[in-house]
Amino acid sequence: QVQLVESGGGLVQPGGSLRLSCVASGSIRSIYTTKWYRQAPGNQRELVAQISSGGTTDYADSVKGRFTISRDNAKNTVYLQMNNLKPEDTAVYYCNAFVRPYDDSSRDYWGQGTQVTVSS
């Protein structure tokens, strides 16, 4: 069984930084594109950043120049470095990955989410 577990959220002042981690565990053959989404209260879930298995990245316009997504394939881990955080970045951040397990069909998996709150 494949699991994604996020960590690294918390309370930070405007202008501060946080680094989120998403660790995939289980019977994993391959991890393809991994994405970070966020959802603020009353809003739809939005795509923040994504990274392909080969390292190609893409970002939402609202976070370009402030957020950086990266991956460590040896550790089955994807990071989201968030700098110059703004109050509008406050949301629950979710990790999503398209995974091919050894013992099941390839599909999307989701983490449980980690809360990021930007406030003074």
PDB file of N, CA and C in Angstrom:
ATOM      1  N   GLN A   1       0.854  -1.198   0.000  1.00  0.00           N
ATOM      2  CA  GLN A   1       0.000   0.000   0.000  1.00  0.00           C
ATOM      3  C   GLN A   1       0.882   1.237   0.000  1.00  0.00           C
ATOM      4  N   VAL A   2       0.551   2.179  -0.863  1.00  0.00           N
ATOM      5  CA  VAL A   2       1.328   3.404  -0.987  1.00  0.00           C
ATOM      6  C   VAL A   2       0.729   4.479  -0.098  1.00  0.00           C
ATOM      7  N   GLN A   3       1.582   5.202   0.586  1.00  0.00           N
ATOM      8  CA  GLN A   3       1.140   6.331   1.408  1.00  0.00           C
ATOM      9  C   GLN A   3       1.990   7.549   1.104  1.00  0.00           C
ATOM     10  N   LEU A   4       1.350   8.714   1.146  1.00  0.00           N
ATOM     11  CA  LEU A   4       2.049   9.987   1.051  1.00  0.00           C
ATOM     12  C   LEU A   4       1.838  10.718   2.375  1.00  0.00           C
ATOM     13  N   VAL A   5       2.909  11.201   2.951  1.00  0.00           N
ATOM     14  CA  VAL A   5       2.821  11.904   4.226  1.00  0.00           C
ATOM     15  C   VAL A   5       3.517  13.254   4.099  1.00  0.00           C
ATOM     16  N   GLU A   6       2.743  14.325   4.338  1.00  0.00           N
ATOM     17  CA  GLU A   6       3.301  15.673   4.307  1.00  0.00           C
ATOM     18  C   GLU A   6       3.734  16.100   5.702  1.00  0.00           C
ATOM     19  N   SER A   7       4.700  16.989   5.752  1.00  0.00           N
ATOM     20  CA  SER A   7       5.126  17.592   7.012  1.00  0.00           C
ATOM     21  C   SER A   7       5.752  18.950   6.710  1.00  0.00           C
ATOM     22  N   GLY A   8       5.958  19.725   7.779  1.00  0.00           N
ATOM     23  CA  GLY A   8       6.658  20.993   7.631  1.00  0.00           C
ATOM     24  C   GLY A   8       5.781  22.221   7.717  1.00  0.00           C
ATOM     25  N   GLY A   9       4.468  22.029   7.820  1.00  0.00           N
ATOM     26  CA  GLY A   9       3.596  23.187   7.939  1.00  0.00           C
ATOM     27  C   GLY A   9       3.716  23.828   9.306  1.00  0.00           C
ATOM     28  N   GLY A  10       3.063  24.978   9.444  1.00  0.00           N
ATOM     29  CA  GLY A  10       3.099  25.670  10.721  1.00  0.00           C
ATOM     30  C   GLY A  10       2.671  27.099  10.591  1.00  0.00           C
ATOM     31  N   LEU A  11       2.926  27.861  11.646  1.00  0.00           N
ATOM     32  CA  LEU A  11       2.598  29.286  11.696  1.00  0.00           C
ATOM     33  C   LEU A  11       3.870  30.082  11.430  1.00  0.00           C
ATOM     34  N   VAL A  12       3.788  31.028  10.510  1.00  0.00           N
ATOM     35  CA  VAL A  12       4.949  31.845  10.169  1.00  0.00           C
ATOM     36  C   VAL A  12       4.486  33.277   9.910  1.00  0.00           C
ATOM     37  N   GLN A  13       5.356  34.230  10.190  1.00  0.00           N
ATOM     38  CA  GLN A  13       5.016  35.630   9.942  1.00  0.00           C
ATOM     39  C   GLN A  13       5.161  35.959   8.460  1.00  0.00           C
ATOM     40  N   PRO A  14       4.446  36.974   7.990  1.00  0.00           N
ATOM     41  CA  PRO A  14       4.634  37.415   6.598  1.00  0.00           C
ATOM     42  C   PRO A  14       6.099  37.706   6.304  1.00  0.00           C
ATOM     43  N   GLY A  15       6.537  37.261   5.145  1.00  0.00           N
ATOM     44  CA  GLY A  15       7.937  37.390   4.772  1.00  0.00           C
ATOM     45  C   GLY A  15       8.800  36.221   5.181  1.00  0.00           C
ATOM     46  N   GLY A  16       8.257  35.334   5.978  1.00  0.00           N
ATOM     47  CA  GLY A  16       9.008  34.177   6.462  1.00  0.00           C
ATOM     48  C   GLY A  16       9.034  33.038   5.458  1.00  0.00           C
ATOM     49  N   SER A  17       9.651  31.937   5.886  1.00  0.00           N
ATOM     50  CA  SER A  17       9.830  30.771   5.016  1.00  0.00           C
ATOM     51  C   SER A  17       9.422  29.493   5.731  1.00  0.00           C
ATOM     52  N   LEU A  18       9.012  28.540   4.934  1.00  0.00           N
ATOM     53  CA  LEU A  18       8.753  27.177   5.401  1.00  0.00           C
ATOM     54  C   LEU A  18       9.179  26.214   4.303  1.00  0.00           C
ATOM     55  N   ARG A  19       9.540  25.006   4.702  1.00  0.00           N
ATOM     56  CA  ARG A  19       9.808  23.958   3.728  1.00  0.00           C
ATOM     57  C   ARG A  19       8.907  22.764   4.027  1.00  0.00           C
ATOM     58  N   LEU A  20       8.054  22.440   3.072  1.00  0.00           N
ATOM     59  CA  LEU A  20       7.184  21.279   3.191  1.00  0.00           C
ATOM     60  C   LEU A  20       7.869  20.065   2.579  1.00  0.00           C
ATOM     61  N   SER A  21       7.589  18.903   3.164  1.00  0.00           N
ATOM     62  CA  SER A  21       8.102  17.643   2.644  1.00  0.00           C
ATOM     63  C   SER A  21       6.946  16.700   2.378  1.00  0.00           C
ATOM     64  N   CYS A  22       7.087  15.896   1.349  1.00  0.00           N
ATOM     65  CA  CYS A  22       6.107  14.857   1.022  1.00  0.00           C
ATOM     66  C   CYS A  22       6.895  13.571   0.807  1.00  0.00           C
ATOM     67  N   VAL A  23       6.697  12.617   1.702  1.00  0.00           N
ATOM     68  CA  VAL A  23       7.423  11.352   1.632  1.00  0.00           C
ATOM     69  C   VAL A  23       6.474  10.254   1.189  1.00  0.00           C
ATOM     70  N   ALA A  24       6.864   9.550   0.157  1.00  0.00           N
ATOM     71  CA  ALA A  24       6.089   8.409  -0.324  1.00  0.00           C
ATOM     72  C   ALA A  24       6.688   7.125   0.211  1.00  0.00           C
ATOM     73  N   SER A  25       5.818   6.240   0.691  1.00  0.00           N
ATOM     74  CA  SER A  25       6.289   4.966   1.225  1.00  0.00           C
ATOM     75  C   SER A  25       5.396   3.837   0.740  1.00  0.00           C
ATOM     76  N   GLY A  26       5.913   2.617   0.839  1.00  0.00           N
ATOM     77  CA  GLY A  26       5.160   1.456   0.406  1.00  0.00           C
ATOM     78  C   GLY A  26       5.860   0.729  -0.714  1.00  0.00           C
ATOM     79  N   SER A  27       5.094  -0.107  -1.382  1.00  0.00           N
ATOM     80  CA  SER A  27       5.631  -0.932  -2.460  1.00  0.00           C
ATOM     81  C   SER A  27       5.613  -0.142  -3.771  1.00  0.00           C
ATOM     82  N   ILE A  28       6.629   0.690  -3.953  1.00  0.00           N
ATOM     83  CA  ILE A  28       6.646   1.650  -5.049  1.00  0.00           C
ATOM     84  C   ILE A  28       7.631   1.234  -6.122  1.00  0.00           C
ATOM     85  N   ARG A  29       7.110   1.101  -7.337  1.00  0.00           N
ATOM     86  CA  ARG A  29       7.992   0.826  -8.472  1.00  0.00           C
ATOM     87  C   ARG A  29       8.516   2.139  -9.054  1.00  0.00           C
ATOM     88  N   SER A  30       7.593   3.080  -9.288  1.00  0.00           N
ATOM     89  CA  SER A  30       7.974   4.369  -9.873  1.00  0.00           C
ATOM     90  C   SER A  30       7.041   5.465  -9.372  1.00  0.00           C
ATOM     91  N   ILE A  31       7.609   6.661  -9.255  1.00  0.00           N
ATOM     92  CA  ILE A  31       6.814   7.849  -8.955  1.00  0.00           C
ATOM     93  C   ILE A  31       6.953   8.795 -10.127  1.00  0.00           C
ATOM     94  N   TYR A  32       5.853   9.194 -10.691  1.00  0.00           N
ATOM     95  CA  TYR A  32       5.879  10.071 -11.842  1.00  0.00           C
ATOM     96  C   TYR A  32       5.710  11.513 -11.378  1.00  0.00           C
ATOM     97  N   THR A  33       4.822  12.269 -11.985  1.00  0.00           N
ATOM     98  CA  THR A  33       4.677  13.666 -11.591  1.00  0.00           C
ATOM     99  C   THR A  33       4.122  13.784 -10.181  1.00  0.00           C
ATOM    100  N   THR A  34       4.737  14.671  -9.404  1.00  0.00           N
ATOM    101  CA  THR A  34       4.271  14.975  -8.051  1.00  0.00           C
ATOM    102  C   THR A  34       3.861  16.438  -8.008  1.00  0.00           C
ATOM    103  N   LYS A  35       2.760  16.680  -7.338  1.00  0.00           N
ATOM    104  CA  LYS A  35       2.191  18.030  -7.313  1.00  0.00           C
ATOM    105  C   LYS A  35       1.901  18.453  -5.879  1.00  0.00           C
ATOM    106  N   TRP A  36       1.976  19.747  -5.655  1.00  0.00           N
ATOM    107  CA  TRP A  36       1.497  20.359  -4.424  1.00  0.00           C
ATOM    108  C   TRP A  36       0.259  21.177  -4.756  1.00  0.00           C
ATOM    109  N   TYR A  37      -0.798  20.925  -4.023  1.00  0.00           N
ATOM    110  CA  TYR A  37      -2.032  21.698  -4.104  1.00  0.00           C
ATOM    111  C   TYR A  37      -2.215  22.417  -2.770  1.00  0.00           C
ATOM    112  N   ARG A  38      -3.093  23.406  -2.765  1.00  0.00           N
ATOM    113  CA  ARG A  38      -3.502  24.031  -1.521  1.00  0.00           C
ATOM    114  C   ARG A  38      -4.984  24.378  -1.587  1.00  0.00           C
ATOM    115  N   GLN A  39      -5.561  24.415  -0.396  1.00  0.00           N
ATOM    116  CA  GLN A  39      -6.982  24.769  -0.305  1.00  0.00           C
ATOM    117  C   GLN A  39      -7.199  25.625   0.926  1.00  0.00           C
ATOM    118  N   ALA A  40      -7.655  26.846   0.693  1.00  0.00           N
ATOM    119  CA  ALA A  40      -8.011  27.752   1.765  1.00  0.00           C
ATOM    120  C   ALA A  40      -9.501  27.628   2.052  1.00  0.00           C
ATOM    121  N   PRO A  41      -9.941  27.973   3.256  1.00  0.00           N
ATOM    122  CA  PRO A  41     -11.362  27.858   3.594  1.00  0.00           C
ATOM    123  C   PRO A  41     -12.235  28.603   2.608  1.00  0.00           C
ATOM    124  N   GLY A  42     -13.255  27.923   2.109  1.00  0.00           N
ATOM    125  CA  GLY A  42     -14.184  28.546   1.176  1.00  0.00           C
ATOM    126  C   GLY A  42     -13.701  28.593  -0.250  1.00  0.00           C
ATOM    127  N   ASN A  43     -12.488  28.122  -0.494  1.00  0.00           N
ATOM    128  CA  ASN A  43     -11.923  28.154  -1.851  1.00  0.00           C
ATOM    129  C   ASN A  43     -11.779  26.740  -2.417  1.00  0.00           C
ATOM    130  N   GLN A  44     -11.684  26.682  -3.736  1.00  0.00           N
ATOM    131  CA  GLN A  44     -11.407  25.402  -4.372  1.00  0.00           C
ATOM    132  C   GLN A  44      -9.929  25.052  -4.207  1.00  0.00           C
ATOM    133  N   ARG A  45      -9.643  23.776  -4.298  1.00  0.00           N
ATOM    134  CA  ARG A  45      -8.256  23.329  -4.248  1.00  0.00           C
ATOM    135  C   ARG A  45      -7.548  23.816  -5.516  1.00  0.00           C
ATOM    136  N   GLU A  46      -6.364  24.394  -5.349  1.00  0.00           N
ATOM    137  CA  GLU A  46      -5.635  24.908  -6.501  1.00  0.00           C
ATOM    138  C   GLU A  46      -4.248  24.299  -6.587  1.00  0.00           C
ATOM    139  N   LEU A  47      -3.781  24.129  -7.813  1.00  0.00           N
ATOM    140  CA  LEU A  47      -2.445  23.597  -8.051  1.00  0.00           C
ATOM    141  C   LEU A  47      -1.416  24.689  -7.799  1.00  0.00           C
ATOM    142  N   VAL A  48      -0.425  24.377  -6.993  1.00  0.00           N
ATOM    143  CA  VAL A  48       0.606  25.347  -6.638  1.00  0.00           C
ATOM    144  C   VAL A  48       1.878  25.117  -7.446  1.00  0.00           C
ATOM    145  N   ALA A  49       2.314  23.866  -7.496  1.00  0.00           N
ATOM    146  CA  ALA A  49       3.562  23.549  -8.187  1.00  0.00           C
ATOM    147  C   ALA A  49       3.577  22.064  -8.520  1.00  0.00           C
ATOM    148  N   GLN A  50       4.334  21.715  -9.549  1.00  0.00           N
ATOM    149  CA  GLN A  50       4.487  20.317  -9.913  1.00  0.00           C
ATOM    150  C   GLN A  50       5.885  20.052 -10.434  1.00  0.00           C
ATOM    151  N   ILE A  51       6.289  18.782 -10.304  1.00  0.00           N
ATOM    152  CA  ILE A  51       7.606  18.379 -10.781  1.00  0.00           C
ATOM    153  C   ILE A  51       7.491  16.991 -11.400  1.00  0.00           C
ATOM    154  N   SER A  52       8.054  16.847 -12.589  1.00  0.00           N
ATOM    155  CA  SER A  52       8.010  15.556 -13.275  1.00  0.00           C
ATOM    156  C   SER A  52       9.084  14.636 -12.725  1.00  0.00           C
ATOM    157  N   SER A  53       9.039  13.390 -13.136  1.00  0.00           N
ATOM    158  CA  SER A  53      10.062  12.439 -12.701  1.00  0.00           C
ATOM    159  C   SER A  53      11.445  12.855 -13.185  1.00  0.00           C
ATOM    160  N   GLY A  54      11.474  13.590 -14.278  1.00  0.00           N
ATOM    161  CA  GLY A  54      12.753  14.053 -14.806  1.00  0.00           C
ATOM    162  C   GLY A  54      13.207  15.383 -14.258  1.00  0.00           C
ATOM    163  N   GLY A  55      12.365  16.001 -13.428  1.00  0.00           N
ATOM    164  CA  GLY A  55      12.763  17.246 -12.785  1.00  0.00           C
ATOM    165  C   GLY A  55      12.209  18.511 -13.418  1.00  0.00           C
ATOM    166  N   THR A  56      11.369  18.386 -14.418  1.00  0.00           N
ATOM    167  CA  THR A  56      10.747  19.570 -15.010  1.00  0.00           C
ATOM    168  C   THR A  56       9.718  20.138 -14.038  1.00  0.00           C
ATOM    169  N   THR A  57       9.776  21.447 -13.834  1.00  0.00           N
ATOM    170  CA  THR A  57       8.903  22.081 -12.846  1.00  0.00           C
ATOM    171  C   THR A  57       7.961  23.082 -13.488  1.00  0.00           C
ATOM    172  N   ASP A  58       6.871  23.348 -12.782  1.00  0.00           N
ATOM    173  CA  ASP A  58       5.920  24.358 -13.211  1.00  0.00           C
ATOM    174  C   ASP A  58       5.255  24.918 -11.962  1.00  0.00           C
ATOM    175  N   TYR A  59       4.868  26.205 -12.037  1.00  0.00           N
ATOM    176  CA  TYR A  59       4.334  26.890 -10.863  1.00  0.00           C
ATOM    177  C   TYR A  59       3.106  27.707 -11.217  1.00  0.00           C
ATOM    178  N   ALA A  60       2.239  27.878 -10.232  1.00  0.00           N
ATOM    179  CA  ALA A  60       1.156  28.837 -10.372  1.00  0.00           C
ATOM    180  C   ALA A  60       1.755  30.243 -10.394  1.00  0.00           C
ATOM    181  N   ASP A  61       1.113  31.131 -11.144  1.00  0.00           N
ATOM    182  CA  ASP A  61       1.639  32.493 -11.250  1.00  0.00           C
ATOM    183  C   ASP A  61       1.767  33.158  -9.879  1.00  0.00           C
ATOM    184  N   SER A  62       0.862  32.826  -8.974  1.00  0.00           N
ATOM    185  CA  SER A  62       0.839  33.483  -7.665  1.00  0.00           C
ATOM    186  C   SER A  62       2.052  33.137  -6.792  1.00  0.00           C
ATOM    187  N   VAL A  63       2.788  32.074  -7.138  1.00  0.00           N
ATOM    188  CA  VAL A  63       3.925  31.670  -6.299  1.00  0.00           C
ATOM    189  C   VAL A  63       5.257  31.707  -7.038  1.00  0.00           C
ATOM    190  N   LYS A  64       5.225  32.017  -8.329  1.00  0.00           N
ATOM    191  CA  LYS A  64       6.477  32.061  -9.093  1.00  0.00           C
ATOM    192  C   LYS A  64       7.451  33.047  -8.481  1.00  0.00           C
ATOM    193  N   GLY A  65       8.696  32.605  -8.371  1.00  0.00           N
ATOM    194  CA  GLY A  65       9.732  33.448  -7.784  1.00  0.00           C
ATOM    195  C   GLY A  65       9.803  33.362  -6.270  1.00  0.00           C
ATOM    196  N   ARG A  66       8.818  32.743  -5.646  1.00  0.00           N
ATOM    197  CA  ARG A  66       8.807  32.619  -4.183  1.00  0.00           C
ATOM    198  C   ARG A  66       8.891  31.168  -3.727  1.00  0.00           C
ATOM    199  N   PHE A  67       8.282  30.260  -4.480  1.00  0.00           N
ATOM    200  CA  PHE A  67       8.254  28.843  -4.117  1.00  0.00           C
ATOM    201  C   PHE A  67       9.155  28.059  -5.057  1.00  0.00           C
ATOM    202  N   THR A  68       9.774  27.008  -4.508  1.00  0.00           N
ATOM    203  CA  THR A  68      10.600  26.124  -5.318  1.00  0.00           C
ATOM    204  C   THR A  68      10.265  24.681  -4.970  1.00  0.00           C
ATOM    205  N   ILE A  69       9.934  23.900  -5.993  1.00  0.00           N
ATOM    206  CA  ILE A  69       9.660  22.482  -5.802  1.00  0.00           C
ATOM    207  C   ILE A  69      10.888  21.693  -6.243  1.00  0.00           C
ATOM    208  N   SER A  70      11.209  20.645  -5.481  1.00  0.00           N
ATOM    209  CA  SER A  70      12.356  19.803  -5.816  1.00  0.00           C
ATOM    210  C   SER A  70      12.060  18.378  -5.357  1.00  0.00           C
ATOM    211  N   ARG A  71      12.873  17.447  -5.828  1.00  0.00           N
ATOM    212  CA  ARG A  71      12.637  16.056  -5.443  1.00  0.00           C
ATOM    213  C   ARG A  71      13.960  15.340  -5.203  1.00  0.00           C
ATOM    214  N   ASP A  72      13.915  14.386  -4.277  1.00  0.00           N
ATOM    215  CA  ASP A  72      15.035  13.498  -4.010  1.00  0.00           C
ATOM    216  C   ASP A  72      14.525  12.088  -4.299  1.00  0.00           C
ATOM    217  N   ASN A  73      14.837  11.594  -5.487  1.00  0.00           N
ATOM    218  CA  ASN A  73      14.285  10.308  -5.904  1.00  0.00           C
ATOM    219  C   ASN A  73      14.769   9.161  -5.019  1.00  0.00           C
ATOM    220  N   ALA A  74      15.972   9.269  -4.507  1.00  0.00           N
ATOM    221  CA  ALA A  74      16.498   8.202  -3.647  1.00  0.00           C
ATOM    222  C   ALA A  74      15.705   8.074  -2.352  1.00  0.00           C
ATOM    223  N   LYS A  75      15.115   9.187  -1.928  1.00  0.00           N
ATOM    224  CA  LYS A  75      14.338   9.199  -0.673  1.00  0.00           C
ATOM    225  C   LYS A  75      12.841   9.208  -0.926  1.00  0.00           C
ATOM    226  N   ASN A  76      12.433   9.126  -2.195  1.00  0.00           N
ATOM    227  CA  ASN A  76      10.997   9.199  -2.531  1.00  0.00           C
ATOM    228  C   ASN A  76      10.347  10.412  -1.875  1.00  0.00           C
ATOM    229  N   THR A  77      11.031  11.532  -1.934  1.00  0.00           N
ATOM    230  CA  THR A  77      10.583  12.742  -1.238  1.00  0.00           C
ATOM    231  C   THR A  77      10.559  13.932  -2.192  1.00  0.00           C
ATOM    232  N   VAL A  78       9.508  14.716  -2.065  1.00  0.00           N
ATOM    233  CA  VAL A  78       9.388  15.968  -2.803  1.00  0.00           C
ATOM    234  C   VAL A  78       9.263  17.096  -1.788  1.00  0.00           C
ATOM    235  N   TYR A  79       9.941  18.191  -2.077  1.00  0.00           N
ATOM    236  CA  TYR A  79       9.948  19.344  -1.177  1.00  0.00           C
ATOM    237  C   TYR A  79       9.275  20.539  -1.827  1.00  0.00           C
ATOM    238  N   LEU A  80       8.738  21.403  -0.996  1.00  0.00           N
ATOM    239  CA  LEU A  80       8.249  22.703  -1.466  1.00  0.00           C
ATOM    240  C   LEU A  80       8.848  23.761  -0.545  1.00  0.00           C
ATOM    241  N   GLN A  81       9.842  24.454  -1.054  1.00  0.00           N
ATOM    242  CA  GLN A  81      10.442  25.560  -0.316  1.00  0.00           C
ATOM    243  C   GLN A  81       9.636  26.808  -0.578  1.00  0.00           C
ATOM    244  N   MET A  82       9.116  27.405   0.471  1.00  0.00           N
ATOM    245  CA  MET A  82       8.246  28.563   0.349  1.00  0.00           C
ATOM    246  C   MET A  82       8.909  29.752   1.036  1.00  0.00           C
ATOM    247  N   ASN A  83       9.251  30.758   0.260  1.00  0.00           N
ATOM    248  CA  ASN A  83       9.892  31.966   0.781  1.00  0.00           C
ATOM    249  C   ASN A  83       8.984  33.166   0.607  1.00  0.00           C
ATOM    250  N   ASN A  84       9.284  34.223   1.357  1.00  0.00           N
ATOM    251  CA  ASN A  84       8.506  35.462   1.270  1.00  0.00           C
ATOM    252  C   ASN A  84       7.002  35.170   1.347  1.00  0.00           C
ATOM    253  N   LEU A  85       6.633  34.424   2.353  1.00  0.00           N
ATOM    254  CA  LEU A  85       5.242  34.009   2.482  1.00  0.00           C
ATOM    255  C   LEU A  85       4.325  35.196   2.759  1.00  0.00           C
ATOM    256  N   LYS A  86       3.120  35.094   2.220  1.00  0.00           N
ATOM    257  CA  LYS A  86       2.110  36.141   2.359  1.00  0.00           C
ATOM    258  C   LYS A  86       0.876  35.574   3.054  1.00  0.00           C
ATOM    259  N   PRO A  87       0.075  36.425   3.667  1.00  0.00           N
ATOM    260  CA  PRO A  87      -1.145  35.917   4.313  1.00  0.00           C
ATOM    261  C   PRO A  87      -2.036  35.121   3.355  1.00  0.00           C
ATOM    262  N   GLU A  88      -2.035  35.481   2.089  1.00  0.00           N
ATOM    263  CA  GLU A  88      -2.871  34.758   1.123  1.00  0.00           C
ATOM    264  C   GLU A  88      -2.339  33.367   0.790  1.00  0.00           C
ATOM    265  N   ASP A  89      -1.164  33.029   1.296  1.00  0.00           N
ATOM    266  CA  ASP A  89      -0.650  31.664   1.144  1.00  0.00           C
ATOM    267  C   ASP A  89      -1.221  30.720   2.206  1.00  0.00           C
ATOM    268  N   THR A  90      -1.950  31.272   3.153  1.00  0.00           N
ATOM    269  CA  THR A  90      -2.539  30.447   4.202  1.00  0.00           C
ATOM    270  C   THR A  90      -3.519  29.440   3.616  1.00  0.00           C
ATOM    271  N   ALA A  91      -3.299  28.173   3.913  1.00  0.00           N
ATOM    272  CA  ALA A  91      -4.119  27.098   3.353  1.00  0.00           C
ATOM    273  C   ALA A  91      -3.639  25.762   3.910  1.00  0.00           C
ATOM    274  N   VAL A  92      -4.408  24.732   3.638  1.00  0.00           N
ATOM    275  CA  VAL A  92      -3.922  23.371   3.835  1.00  0.00           C
ATOM    276  C   VAL A  92      -3.247  22.947   2.535  1.00  0.00           C
ATOM    277  N   TYR A  93      -2.022  22.470   2.651  1.00  0.00           N
ATOM    278  CA  TYR A  93      -1.235  22.067   1.492  1.00  0.00           C
ATOM    279  C   TYR A  93      -1.244  20.543   1.385  1.00  0.00           C
ATOM    280  N   TYR A  94      -1.550  20.076   0.179  1.00  0.00           N
ATOM    281  CA  TYR A  94      -1.665  18.647  -0.077  1.00  0.00           C
ATOM    282  C   TYR A  94      -0.643  18.213  -1.129  1.00  0.00           C
ATOM    283  N   CYS A  95      -0.096  17.044  -0.907  1.00  0.00           N
ATOM    284  CA  CYS A  95       0.800  16.418  -1.873  1.00  0.00           C
ATOM    285  C   CYS A  95       0.005  15.402  -2.687  1.00  0.00           C
ATOM    286  N   ASN A  96       0.261  15.379  -3.986  1.00  0.00           N
ATOM    287  CA  ASN A  96      -0.371  14.431  -4.899  1.00  0.00           C
ATOM    288  C   ASN A  96       0.697  13.839  -5.799  1.00  0.00           C
ATOM    289  N   ALA A  97       0.647  12.531  -5.982  1.00  0.00           N
ATOM    290  CA  ALA A  97       1.628  11.892  -6.853  1.00  0.00           C
ATOM    291  C   ALA A  97       0.978  10.774  -7.647  1.00  0.00           C
ATOM    292  N   PHE A  98       1.436  10.633  -8.890  1.00  0.00           N
ATOM    293  CA  PHE A  98       1.001   9.516  -9.721  1.00  0.00           C
ATOM    294  C   PHE A  98       2.053   8.429  -9.568  1.00  0.00           C
ATOM    295  N   VAL A  99       1.616   7.305  -8.993  1.00  0.00           N
ATOM    296  CA  VAL A  99       2.556   6.269  -8.557  1.00  0.00           C
ATOM    297  C   VAL A  99       2.237   4.941  -9.209  1.00  0.00           C
ATOM    298  N   ARG A 100       3.294   4.230  -9.576  1.00  0.00           N
ATOM    299  CA  ARG A 100       3.144   2.864 -10.052  1.00  0.00           C
ATOM    300  C   ARG A 100       3.657   1.930  -8.965  1.00  0.00           C
ATOM    301  N   PRO A 101       2.756   1.255  -8.255  1.00  0.00           N
ATOM    302  CA  PRO A 101       3.208   0.304  -7.232  1.00  0.00           C
ATOM    303  C   PRO A 101       3.673  -1.002  -7.890  1.00  0.00           C
ATOM    304  N   TYR A 102       4.342  -1.829  -7.106  1.00  0.00           N
ATOM    305  CA  TYR A 102       4.721  -3.158  -7.601  1.00  0.00           C
ATOM    306  C   TYR A 102       3.516  -4.074  -7.703  1.00  0.00           C
ATOM    307  N   ASP A 103       2.506  -3.863  -6.846  1.00  0.00           N
ATOM    308  CA  ASP A 103       1.437  -4.834  -6.715  1.00  0.00           C
ATOM    309  C   ASP A 103       0.061  -4.284  -7.043  1.00  0.00           C
ATOM    310  N   ASP A 104       0.008  -3.179  -7.800  1.00  0.00           N
ATOM    311  CA  ASP A 104      -1.287  -2.589  -8.120  1.00  0.00           C
ATOM    312  C   ASP A 104      -1.140  -1.746  -9.380  1.00  0.00           C
ATOM    313  N   SER A 105      -2.279  -1.254  -9.879  1.00  0.00           N
ATOM    314  CA  SER A 105      -2.247  -0.387 -11.053  1.00  0.00           C
ATOM    315  C   SER A 105      -1.789   1.018 -10.678  1.00  0.00           C
ATOM    316  N   SER A 106      -1.214   1.710 -11.646  1.00  0.00           N
ATOM    317  CA  SER A 106      -0.788   3.089 -11.413  1.00  0.00           C
ATOM    318  C   SER A 106      -2.002   3.975 -11.190  1.00  0.00           C
ATOM    319  N   ARG A 107      -1.892   4.888 -10.242  1.00  0.00           N
ATOM    320  CA  ARG A 107      -2.979   5.838  -9.990  1.00  0.00           C
ATOM    321  C   ARG A 107      -2.465   6.994  -9.165  1.00  0.00           C
ATOM    322  N   ASP A 108      -3.350   7.978  -8.962  1.00  0.00           N
ATOM    323  CA  ASP A 108      -3.053   9.126  -8.107  1.00  0.00           C
ATOM    324  C   ASP A 108      -3.180   8.764  -6.633  1.00  0.00           C
ATOM    325  N   TYR A 109      -2.278   9.301  -5.847  1.00  0.00           N
ATOM    326  CA  TYR A 109      -2.351   9.183  -4.398  1.00  0.00           C
ATOM    327  C   TYR A 109      -2.292  10.584  -3.789  1.00  0.00           C
ATOM    328  N   TRP A 110      -2.943  10.732  -2.627  1.00  0.00           N
ATOM    329  CA  TRP A 110      -2.986  12.015  -1.923  1.00  0.00           C
ATOM    330  C   TRP A 110      -2.479  11.850  -0.502  1.00  0.00           C
ATOM    331  N   GLY A 111      -1.829  12.886  -0.012  1.00  0.00           N
ATOM    332  CA  GLY A 111      -1.496  12.946   1.399  1.00  0.00           C
ATOM    333  C   GLY A 111      -2.657  13.508   2.203  1.00  0.00           C
ATOM    334  N   GLN A 112      -2.439  13.596   3.526  1.00  0.00           N
ATOM    335  CA  GLN A 112      -3.510  14.038   4.414  1.00  0.00           C
ATOM    336  C   GLN A 112      -3.552  15.557   4.550  1.00  0.00           C
ATOM    337  N   GLY A 113      -2.517  16.226   4.099  1.00  0.00           N
ATOM    338  CA  GLY A 113      -2.470  17.687   4.159  1.00  0.00           C
ATOM    339  C   GLY A 113      -1.705  18.199   5.366  1.00  0.00           C
ATOM    340  N   THR A 114      -1.130  19.380   5.197  1.00  0.00           N
ATOM    341  CA  THR A 114      -0.442  20.058   6.298  1.00  0.00           C
ATOM    342  C   THR A 114      -0.832  21.534   6.268  1.00  0.00           C
ATOM    343  N   GLN A 115      -1.140  22.067   7.435  1.00  0.00           N
ATOM    344  CA  GLN A 115      -1.637  23.445   7.528  1.00  0.00           C
ATOM    345  C   GLN A 115      -0.480  24.438   7.495  1.00  0.00           C
ATOM    346  N   VAL A 116      -0.631  25.441   6.650  1.00  0.00           N
ATOM    347  CA  VAL A 116       0.293  26.577   6.612  1.00  0.00           C
ATOM    348  C   VAL A 116      -0.503  27.828   6.935  1.00  0.00           C
ATOM    349  N   THR A 117      -0.069  28.543   7.962  1.00  0.00           N
ATOM    350  CA  THR A 117      -0.733  29.781   8.359  1.00  0.00           C
ATOM    351  C   THR A 117       0.288  30.908   8.373  1.00  0.00           C
ATOM    352  N   VAL A 118      -0.003  31.954   7.603  1.00  0.00           N
ATOM    353  CA  VAL A 118       0.880  33.118   7.524  1.00  0.00           C
ATOM    354  C   VAL A 118       0.155  34.291   8.166  1.00  0.00           C
ATOM    355  N   SER A 119       0.670  34.699   9.312  1.00  0.00           N
ATOM    356  CA  SER A 119      -0.002  35.746  10.076  1.00  0.00           C
ATOM    357  C   SER A 119       0.982  36.406  11.021  1.00  0.00           C
ATOM    358  N   SER A 120       0.745  37.694  11.265  1.00  0.00           N
ATOM    359  CA  SER A 120       1.563  38.413  12.232  1.00  0.00           C
ATOM    360  C   SER A 120       0.889  38.423  13.593  1.00  0.00           C
TER     361      SER A 120
END
